[in-house]
Amino acid sequence: MSLRTLLRRKAACKKPRNSEQSGRTCKFAETLAKAAAVLGSQEEAERWLERPAIGLDQRRPIDLLSTPAGVEMVENLLERLEYGVYV
């Protein structure tokens, strides 16, 4: 799910989400907050999520956030970026 789709659904949805959607939304929010802290701003974090990353084999971080394994890969990359170990 793209960032734009997630934000649109979040704004438009008045019904409660099922537990899977709630978990993904929560994890996405945590990952976005971590990216904003590492990269310096919410805007930079959103741009970073949409661009292919060398540390993710040229995959976009946003595309990996739909699976637990992908979330772990993105979180690991953010930790490496935070400590200056890009690859």
PDB file of N, CA and C in Angstrom:
ATOM      1  N   MET A   1       0.852  -1.168   0.000  1.00  0.00           N
ATOM      2  CA  MET A   1       0.000   0.000   0.000  1.00  0.00           C
ATOM      3  C   MET A   1       0.901   1.234   0.000  1.00  0.00           C
ATOM      4  N   SER A   2       0.589   2.186  -0.833  1.00  0.00           N
ATOM      5  CA  SER A   2       1.417   3.383  -0.917  1.00  0.00           C
ATOM      6  C   SER A   2       1.125   4.321   0.249  1.00  0.00           C
ATOM      7  N   LEU A   3       2.049   5.226   0.492  1.00  0.00           N
ATOM      8  CA  LEU A   3       1.886   6.225   1.545  1.00  0.00           C
ATOM      9  C   LEU A   3       0.634   7.045   1.293  1.00  0.00           C
ATOM     10  N   ARG A   4       0.443   7.478   0.063  1.00  0.00           N
ATOM     11  CA  ARG A   4      -0.718   8.304  -0.283  1.00  0.00           C
ATOM     12  C   ARG A   4      -2.023   7.551  -0.012  1.00  0.00           C
ATOM     13  N   THR A   5      -2.071   6.268  -0.369  1.00  0.00           N
ATOM     14  CA  THR A   5      -3.272   5.465  -0.139  1.00  0.00           C
ATOM     15  C   THR A   5      -3.541   5.320   1.345  1.00  0.00           C
ATOM     16  N   LEU A   6      -2.506   5.037   2.109  1.00  0.00           N
ATOM     17  CA  LEU A   6      -2.667   4.886   3.550  1.00  0.00           C
ATOM     18  C   LEU A   6      -3.187   6.166   4.181  1.00  0.00           C
ATOM     19  N   LEU A   7      -2.606   7.301   3.810  1.00  0.00           N
ATOM     20  CA  LEU A   7      -3.048   8.572   4.376  1.00  0.00           C
ATOM     21  C   LEU A   7      -4.478   8.895   3.959  1.00  0.00           C
ATOM     22  N   ARG A   8      -4.835   8.594   2.713  1.00  0.00           N
ATOM     23  CA  ARG A   8      -6.202   8.845   2.241  1.00  0.00           C
ATOM     24  C   ARG A   8      -7.194   7.974   3.003  1.00  0.00           C
ATOM     25  N   ARG A   9      -6.876   6.706   3.160  1.00  0.00           N
ATOM     26  CA  ARG A   9      -7.776   5.809   3.888  1.00  0.00           C
ATOM     27  C   ARG A   9      -7.908   6.218   5.346  1.00  0.00           C
ATOM     28  N   LYS A  10      -6.805   6.636   5.930  1.00  0.00           N
ATOM     29  CA  LYS A  10      -6.838   7.056   7.328  1.00  0.00           C
ATOM     30  C   LYS A  10      -7.753   8.257   7.502  1.00  0.00           C
ATOM     31  N   ALA A  11      -7.669   9.211   6.575  1.00  0.00           N
ATOM     32  CA  ALA A  11      -8.491  10.417   6.661  1.00  0.00           C
ATOM     33  C   ALA A  11      -9.955  10.127   6.345  1.00  0.00           C
ATOM     34  N   ALA A  12     -10.221   9.229   5.413  1.00  0.00           N
ATOM     35  CA  ALA A  12     -11.582   8.993   4.945  1.00  0.00           C
ATOM     36  C   ALA A  12     -12.334   7.927   5.739  1.00  0.00           C
ATOM     37  N   CYS A  13     -11.634   7.071   6.380  1.00  0.00           N
ATOM     38  CA  CYS A  13     -12.260   5.923   7.028  1.00  0.00           C
ATOM     39  C   CYS A  13     -12.860   6.315   8.374  1.00  0.00           C
ATOM     40  N   LYS A  14     -14.155   6.099   8.495  1.00  0.00           N
ATOM     41  CA  LYS A  14     -14.819   6.389   9.762  1.00  0.00           C
ATOM     42  C   LYS A  14     -15.126   5.104  10.530  1.00  0.00           C
ATOM     43  N   LYS A  15     -15.011   3.960   9.848  1.00  0.00           N
ATOM     44  CA  LYS A  15     -15.240   2.676  10.501  1.00  0.00           C
ATOM     45  C   LYS A  15     -13.945   2.216  11.172  1.00  0.00           C
ATOM     46  N   PRO A  16     -14.074   1.465  12.256  1.00  0.00           N
ATOM     47  CA  PRO A  16     -12.858   0.906  12.863  1.00  0.00           C
ATOM     48  C   PRO A  16     -12.194  -0.078  11.902  1.00  0.00           C
ATOM     49  N   ARG A  17     -10.901  -0.160  11.979  1.00  0.00           N
ATOM     50  CA  ARG A  17     -10.150  -1.096  11.154  1.00  0.00           C
ATOM     51  C   ARG A  17     -10.140  -2.469  11.828  1.00  0.00           C
ATOM     52  N   ASN A  18      -9.926  -3.498  11.013  1.00  0.00           N
ATOM     53  CA  ASN A  18      -9.781  -4.814  11.625  1.00  0.00           C
ATOM     54  C   ASN A  18      -8.407  -4.877  12.289  1.00  0.00           C
ATOM     55  N   SER A  19      -8.142  -5.936  13.023  1.00  0.00           N
ATOM     56  CA  SER A  19      -6.902  -5.995  13.803  1.00  0.00           C
ATOM     57  C   SER A  19      -5.661  -5.983  12.915  1.00  0.00           C
ATOM     58  N   GLU A  20      -5.723  -6.611  11.739  1.00  0.00           N
ATOM     59  CA  GLU A  20      -4.564  -6.612  10.842  1.00  0.00           C
ATOM     60  C   GLU A  20      -4.276  -5.199  10.336  1.00  0.00           C
ATOM     61  N   GLN A  21      -5.327  -4.492   9.917  1.00  0.00           N
ATOM     62  CA  GLN A  21      -5.140  -3.127   9.433  1.00  0.00           C
ATOM     63  C   GLN A  21      -4.639  -2.218  10.551  1.00  0.00           C
ATOM     64  N   SER A  22      -5.168  -2.402  11.748  1.00  0.00           N
ATOM     65  CA  SER A  22      -4.728  -1.595  12.884  1.00  0.00           C
ATOM     66  C   SER A  22      -3.254  -1.830  13.184  1.00  0.00           C
ATOM     67  N   GLY A  23      -2.849  -3.087  13.149  1.00  0.00           N
ATOM     68  CA  GLY A  23      -1.449  -3.413  13.402  1.00  0.00           C
ATOM     69  C   GLY A  23      -0.523  -2.812  12.364  1.00  0.00           C
ATOM     70  N   ARG A  24      -0.921  -2.895  11.096  1.00  0.00           N
ATOM     71  CA  ARG A  24      -0.101  -2.316  10.026  1.00  0.00           C
ATOM     72  C   ARG A  24      -0.024  -0.800  10.152  1.00  0.00           C
ATOM     73  N   THR A  25      -1.160  -0.181  10.461  1.00  0.00           N
ATOM     74  CA  THR A  25      -1.185   1.275  10.604  1.00  0.00           C
ATOM     75  C   THR A  25      -0.282   1.713  11.746  1.00  0.00           C
ATOM     76  N   CYS A  26      -0.355   0.999  12.853  1.00  0.00           N
ATOM     77  CA  CYS A  26       0.480   1.322  14.012  1.00  0.00           C
ATOM     78  C   CYS A  26       1.959   1.143  13.676  1.00  0.00           C
ATOM     79  N   LYS A  27       2.297   0.047  13.028  1.00  0.00           N
ATOM     80  CA  LYS A  27       3.696  -0.218  12.668  1.00  0.00           C
ATOM     81  C   LYS A  27       4.190   0.812  11.667  1.00  0.00           C
ATOM     82  N   PHE A  28       3.329   1.194  10.716  1.00  0.00           N
ATOM     83  CA  PHE A  28       3.703   2.224   9.753  1.00  0.00           C
ATOM     84  C   PHE A  28       3.991   3.539  10.476  1.00  0.00           C
ATOM     85  N   ALA A  29       3.128   3.909  11.420  1.00  0.00           N
ATOM     86  CA  ALA A  29       3.323   5.154  12.166  1.00  0.00           C
ATOM     87  C   ALA A  29       4.633   5.117  12.951  1.00  0.00           C
ATOM     88  N   GLU A  30       4.945   3.980  13.561  1.00  0.00           N
ATOM     89  CA  GLU A  30       6.202   3.844  14.302  1.00  0.00           C
ATOM     90  C   GLU A  30       7.404   3.977  13.367  1.00  0.00           C
ATOM     91  N   THR A  31       7.318   3.338  12.213  1.00  0.00           N
ATOM     92  CA  THR A  31       8.418   3.388  11.246  1.00  0.00           C
ATOM     93  C   THR A  31       8.591   4.793  10.695  1.00  0.00           C
ATOM     94  N   LEU A  32       7.490   5.467  10.399  1.00  0.00           N
ATOM     95  CA  LEU A  32       7.554   6.840   9.903  1.00  0.00           C
ATOM     96  C   LEU A  32       8.160   7.763  10.959  1.00  0.00           C
ATOM     97  N   ALA A  33       7.780   7.581  12.216  1.00  0.00           N
ATOM     98  CA  ALA A  33       8.348   8.395  13.295  1.00  0.00           C
ATOM     99  C   ALA A  33       9.850   8.146  13.437  1.00  0.00           C
ATOM    100  N   LYS A  34      10.262   6.894  13.342  1.00  0.00           N
ATOM    101  CA  LYS A  34      11.691   6.560  13.423  1.00  0.00           C
ATOM    102  C   LYS A  34      12.444   7.184  12.252  1.00  0.00           C
ATOM    103  N   ALA A  35      11.876   7.092  11.047  1.00  0.00           N
ATOM    104  CA  ALA A  35      12.518   7.683   9.867  1.00  0.00           C
ATOM    105  C   ALA A  35      12.627   9.197  10.020  1.00  0.00           C
ATOM    106  N   ALA A  36      11.595   9.832  10.547  1.00  0.00           N
ATOM    107  CA  ALA A  36      11.630  11.282  10.752  1.00  0.00           C
ATOM    108  C   ALA A  36      12.714  11.657  11.759  1.00  0.00           C
ATOM    109  N   ALA A  37      12.862  10.863  12.807  1.00  0.00           N
ATOM    110  CA  ALA A  37      13.901  11.137  13.801  1.00  0.00           C
ATOM    111  C   ALA A  37      15.295  10.974  13.196  1.00  0.00           C
ATOM    112  N   VAL A  38      15.478   9.939  12.399  1.00  0.00           N
ATOM    113  CA  VAL A  38      16.786   9.670  11.794  1.00  0.00           C
ATOM    114  C   VAL A  38      17.115  10.687  10.705  1.00  0.00           C
ATOM    115  N   LEU A  39      16.126  11.026   9.888  1.00  0.00           N
ATOM    116  CA  LEU A  39      16.366  11.883   8.723  1.00  0.00           C
ATOM    117  C   LEU A  39      16.149  13.367   8.995  1.00  0.00           C
ATOM    118  N   GLY A  40      15.585  13.707  10.137  1.00  0.00           N
ATOM    119  CA  GLY A  40      15.485  15.106  10.527  1.00  0.00           C
ATOM    120  C   GLY A  40      14.140  15.776  10.351  1.00  0.00           C
ATOM    121  N   SER A  41      13.234  15.201   9.565  1.00  0.00           N
ATOM    122  CA  SER A  41      11.908  15.813   9.417  1.00  0.00           C
ATOM    123  C   SER A  41      10.918  14.799   8.851  1.00  0.00           C
ATOM    124  N   GLN A  42       9.664  15.082   9.063  1.00  0.00           N
ATOM    125  CA  GLN A  42       8.587  14.247   8.535  1.00  0.00           C
ATOM    126  C   GLN A  42       8.620  14.242   7.004  1.00  0.00           C
ATOM    127  N   GLU A  43       8.863  15.402   6.417  1.00  0.00           N
ATOM    128  CA  GLU A  43       8.884  15.510   4.958  1.00  0.00           C
ATOM    129  C   GLU A  43      10.004  14.661   4.354  1.00  0.00           C
ATOM    130  N   GLU A  44      11.185  14.724   4.952  1.00  0.00           N
ATOM    131  CA  GLU A  44      12.304  13.903   4.460  1.00  0.00           C
ATOM    132  C   GLU A  44      11.997  12.417   4.621  1.00  0.00           C
ATOM    133  N   ALA A  45      11.371  12.068   5.729  1.00  0.00           N
ATOM    134  CA  ALA A  45      11.013  10.669   5.960  1.00  0.00           C
ATOM    135  C   ALA A  45      10.029  10.179   4.898  1.00  0.00           C
ATOM    136  N   GLU A  46       9.033  10.997   4.570  1.00  0.00           N
ATOM    137  CA  GLU A  46       8.058  10.611   3.550  1.00  0.00           C
ATOM    138  C   GLU A  46       8.720  10.464   2.183  1.00  0.00           C
ATOM    139  N   ARG A  47       9.623  11.370   1.857  1.00  0.00           N
ATOM    140  CA  ARG A  47      10.344  11.262   0.585  1.00  0.00           C
ATOM    141  C   ARG A  47      11.205  10.002   0.568  1.00  0.00           C
ATOM    142  N   TRP A  48      11.889   9.726   1.668  1.00  0.00           N
ATOM    143  CA  TRP A  48      12.760   8.557   1.758  1.00  0.00           C
ATOM    144  C   TRP A  48      11.960   7.262   1.563  1.00  0.00           C
ATOM    145  N   LEU A  49      10.774   7.197   2.152  1.00  0.00           N
ATOM    146  CA  LEU A  49       9.951   5.996   2.019  1.00  0.00           C
ATOM    147  C   LEU A  49       9.562   5.712   0.570  1.00  0.00           C
ATOM    148  N   GLU A  50       9.476   6.744  -0.244  1.00  0.00           N
ATOM    149  CA  GLU A  50       9.025   6.603  -1.636  1.00  0.00           C
ATOM    150  C   GLU A  50      10.153   6.337  -2.634  1.00  0.00           C
ATOM    151  N   ARG A  51      11.396   6.480  -2.201  1.00  0.00           N
ATOM    152  CA  ARG A  51      12.536   6.328  -3.122  1.00  0.00           C
ATOM    153  C   ARG A  51      13.231   4.982  -2.937  1.00  0.00           C
ATOM    154  N   PRO A  52      13.743   4.404  -4.024  1.00  0.00           N
ATOM    155  CA  PRO A  52      14.524   3.168  -3.885  1.00  0.00           C
ATOM    156  C   PRO A  52      15.750   3.412  -2.992  1.00  0.00           C
ATOM    157  N   ALA A  53      16.044   2.441  -2.145  1.00  0.00           N
ATOM    158  CA  ALA A  53      17.165   2.568  -1.213  1.00  0.00           C
ATOM    159  C   ALA A  53      18.236   1.531  -1.535  1.00  0.00           C
ATOM    160  N   ILE A  54      19.471   1.982  -1.613  1.00  0.00           N
ATOM    161  CA  ILE A  54      20.585   1.076  -1.884  1.00  0.00           C
ATOM    162  C   ILE A  54      20.638  -0.028  -0.828  1.00  0.00           C
ATOM    163  N   GLY A  55      20.431   0.333   0.422  1.00  0.00           N
ATOM    164  CA  GLY A  55      20.489  -0.636   1.511  1.00  0.00           C
ATOM    165  C   GLY A  55      19.360  -1.651   1.502  1.00  0.00           C
ATOM    166  N   LEU A  56      18.387  -1.451   0.610  1.00  0.00           N
ATOM    167  CA  LEU A  56      17.271  -2.391   0.470  1.00  0.00           C
ATOM    168  C   LEU A  56      17.243  -2.986  -0.940  1.00  0.00           C
ATOM    169  N   ASP A  57      18.409  -3.098  -1.551  1.00  0.00           N
ATOM    170  CA  ASP A  57      18.534  -3.644  -2.912  1.00  0.00           C
ATOM    171  C   ASP A  57      17.669  -2.891  -3.917  1.00  0.00           C
ATOM    172  N   GLN A  58      17.697  -1.572  -3.810  1.00  0.00           N
ATOM    173  CA  GLN A  58      16.962  -0.672  -4.708  1.00  0.00           C
ATOM    174  C   GLN A  58      15.438  -0.815  -4.613  1.00  0.00           C
ATOM    175  N   ARG A  59      14.957  -1.351  -3.511  1.00  0.00           N
ATOM    176  CA  ARG A  59      13.507  -1.405  -3.291  1.00  0.00           C
ATOM    177  C   ARG A  59      13.086  -0.190  -2.482  1.00  0.00           C
ATOM    178  N   ARG A  60      11.852   0.245  -2.681  1.00  0.00           N
ATOM    179  CA  ARG A  60      11.330   1.378  -1.917  1.00  0.00           C
ATOM    180  C   ARG A  60      10.912   0.888  -0.532  1.00  0.00           C
ATOM    181  N   PRO A  61      11.305   1.599   0.521  1.00  0.00           N
ATOM    182  CA  PRO A  61      10.915   1.180   1.869  1.00  0.00           C
ATOM    183  C   PRO A  61       9.403   1.006   2.020  1.00  0.00           C
ATOM    184  N   ILE A  62       8.618   1.892   1.414  1.00  0.00           N
ATOM    185  CA  ILE A  62       7.159   1.808   1.543  1.00  0.00           C
ATOM    186  C   ILE A  62       6.624   0.483   1.011  1.00  0.00           C
ATOM    187  N   ASP A  63       7.267  -0.071  -0.011  1.00  0.00           N
ATOM    188  CA  ASP A  63       6.812  -1.331  -0.593  1.00  0.00           C
ATOM    189  C   ASP A  63       7.086  -2.521   0.322  1.00  0.00           C
ATOM    190  N   LEU A  64       8.027  -2.377   1.212  1.00  0.00           N
ATOM    191  CA  LEU A  64       8.393  -3.482   2.102  1.00  0.00           C
ATOM    192  C   LEU A  64       7.573  -3.508   3.386  1.00  0.00           C
ATOM    193  N   LEU A  65       6.839  -2.443   3.665  1.00  0.00           N
ATOM    194  CA  LEU A  65       6.139  -2.344   4.940  1.00  0.00           C
ATOM    195  C   LEU A  65       4.864  -3.183   5.019  1.00  0.00           C
ATOM    196  N   SER A  66       4.555  -3.940   3.990  1.00  0.00           N
ATOM    197  CA  SER A  66       3.338  -4.755   4.011  1.00  0.00           C
ATOM    198  C   SER A  66       3.561  -6.135   4.624  1.00  0.00           C
ATOM    199  N   THR A  67       4.815  -6.487   4.906  1.00  0.00           N
ATOM    200  CA  THR A  67       5.101  -7.786   5.521  1.00  0.00           C
ATOM    201  C   THR A  67       5.982  -7.587   6.750  1.00  0.00           C
ATOM    202  N   PRO A  68       5.880  -8.481   7.725  1.00  0.00           N
ATOM    203  CA  PRO A  68       6.741  -8.369   8.904  1.00  0.00           C
ATOM    204  C   PRO A  68       8.231  -8.410   8.553  1.00  0.00           C
ATOM    205  N   ALA A  69       8.606  -9.256   7.605  1.00  0.00           N
ATOM    206  CA  ALA A  69      10.019  -9.336   7.205  1.00  0.00           C
ATOM    207  C   ALA A  69      10.471  -8.025   6.574  1.00  0.00           C
ATOM    208  N   GLY A  70       9.617  -7.419   5.768  1.00  0.00           N
ATOM    209  CA  GLY A  70       9.947  -6.142   5.142  1.00  0.00           C
ATOM    210  C   GLY A  70      10.078  -5.028   6.161  1.00  0.00           C
ATOM    211  N   VAL A  71       9.190  -5.019   7.147  1.00  0.00           N
ATOM    212  CA  VAL A  71       9.260  -4.016   8.213  1.00  0.00           C
ATOM    213  C   VAL A  71      10.589  -4.141   8.940  1.00  0.00           C
ATOM    214  N   GLU A  72      10.991  -5.370   9.218  1.00  0.00           N
ATOM    215  CA  GLU A  72      12.265  -5.597   9.903  1.00  0.00           C
ATOM    216  C   GLU A  72      13.441  -5.089   9.067  1.00  0.00           C
ATOM    217  N   MET A  73      13.391  -5.316   7.754  1.00  0.00           N
ATOM    218  CA  MET A  73      14.464  -4.834   6.876  1.00  0.00           C
ATOM    219  C   MET A  73      14.550  -3.307   6.912  1.00  0.00           C
ATOM    220  N   VAL A  74      13.402  -2.639   6.856  1.00  0.00           N
ATOM    221  CA  VAL A  74      13.374  -1.173   6.878  1.00  0.00           C
ATOM    222  C   VAL A  74      13.868  -0.660   8.231  1.00  0.00           C
ATOM    223  N   GLU A  75      13.425  -1.276   9.315  1.00  0.00           N
ATOM    224  CA  GLU A  75      13.873  -0.857  10.645  1.00  0.00           C
ATOM    225  C   GLU A  75      15.378  -1.055  10.806  1.00  0.00           C
ATOM    226  N   ASN A  76      15.906  -2.159  10.304  1.00  0.00           N
ATOM    227  CA  ASN A  76      17.352  -2.397  10.376  1.00  0.00           C
ATOM    228  C   ASN A  76      18.122  -1.344   9.591  1.00  0.00           C
ATOM    229  N   LEU A  77      17.616  -0.985   8.410  1.00  0.00           N
ATOM    230  CA  LEU A  77      18.277   0.050   7.617  1.00  0.00           C
ATOM    231  C   LEU A  77      18.255   1.388   8.351  1.00  0.00           C
ATOM    232  N   LEU A  78      17.135   1.726   8.969  1.00  0.00           N
ATOM    233  CA  LEU A  78      17.059   2.987   9.719  1.00  0.00           C
ATOM    234  C   LEU A  78      18.058   2.997  10.877  1.00  0.00           C
ATOM    235  N   GLU A  79      18.217   1.869  11.544  1.00  0.00           N
ATOM    236  CA  GLU A  79      19.211   1.782  12.623  1.00  0.00           C
ATOM    237  C   GLU A  79      20.618   1.980  12.077  1.00  0.00           C
ATOM    238  N   ARG A  80      20.906   1.366  10.938  1.00  0.00           N
ATOM    239  CA  ARG A  80      22.231   1.537  10.337  1.00  0.00           C
ATOM    240  C   ARG A  80      22.451   2.990   9.935  1.00  0.00           C
ATOM    241  N   LEU A  81      21.434   3.609   9.355  1.00  0.00           N
ATOM    242  CA  LEU A  81      21.552   5.021   8.976  1.00  0.00           C
ATOM    243  C   LEU A  81      21.789   5.895  10.202  1.00  0.00           C
ATOM    244  N   GLU A  82      21.097   5.585  11.280  1.00  0.00           N
ATOM    245  CA  GLU A  82      21.230   6.359  12.512  1.00  0.00           C
ATOM    246  C   GLU A  82      22.665   6.323  13.039  1.00  0.00           C
ATOM    247  N   TYR A  83      23.329   5.189  12.874  1.00  0.00           N
ATOM    248  CA  TYR A  83      24.691   5.038  13.375  1.00  0.00           C
ATOM    249  C   TYR A  83      25.754   5.218  12.299  1.00  0.00           C
ATOM    250  N   GLY A  84      25.323   5.637  11.105  1.00  0.00           N
ATOM    251  CA  GLY A  84      26.286   5.948  10.052  1.00  0.00           C
ATOM    252  C   GLY A  84      26.813   4.754   9.282  1.00  0.00           C
ATOM    253  N   VAL A  85      26.137   3.618   9.377  1.00  0.00           N
ATOM    254  CA  VAL A  85      26.543   2.419   8.648  1.00  0.00           C
ATOM    255  C   VAL A  85      25.498   2.190   7.569  1.00  0.00           C
ATOM    256  N   TYR A  86      25.727   2.756   6.373  1.00  0.00           N
ATOM    257  CA  TYR A  86      24.688   2.729   5.350  1.00  0.00           C
ATOM    258  C   TYR A  86      24.513   1.371   4.693  1.00  0.00           C
ATOM    259  N   VAL A  87      25.604   0.686   4.374  1.00  0.00           N
ATOM    260  CA  VAL A  87      25.485  -0.599   3.678  1.00  0.00           C
ATOM    261  C   VAL A  87      25.844  -1.742   4.578  1.00  0.00           C
TER     262      VAL A  87
END
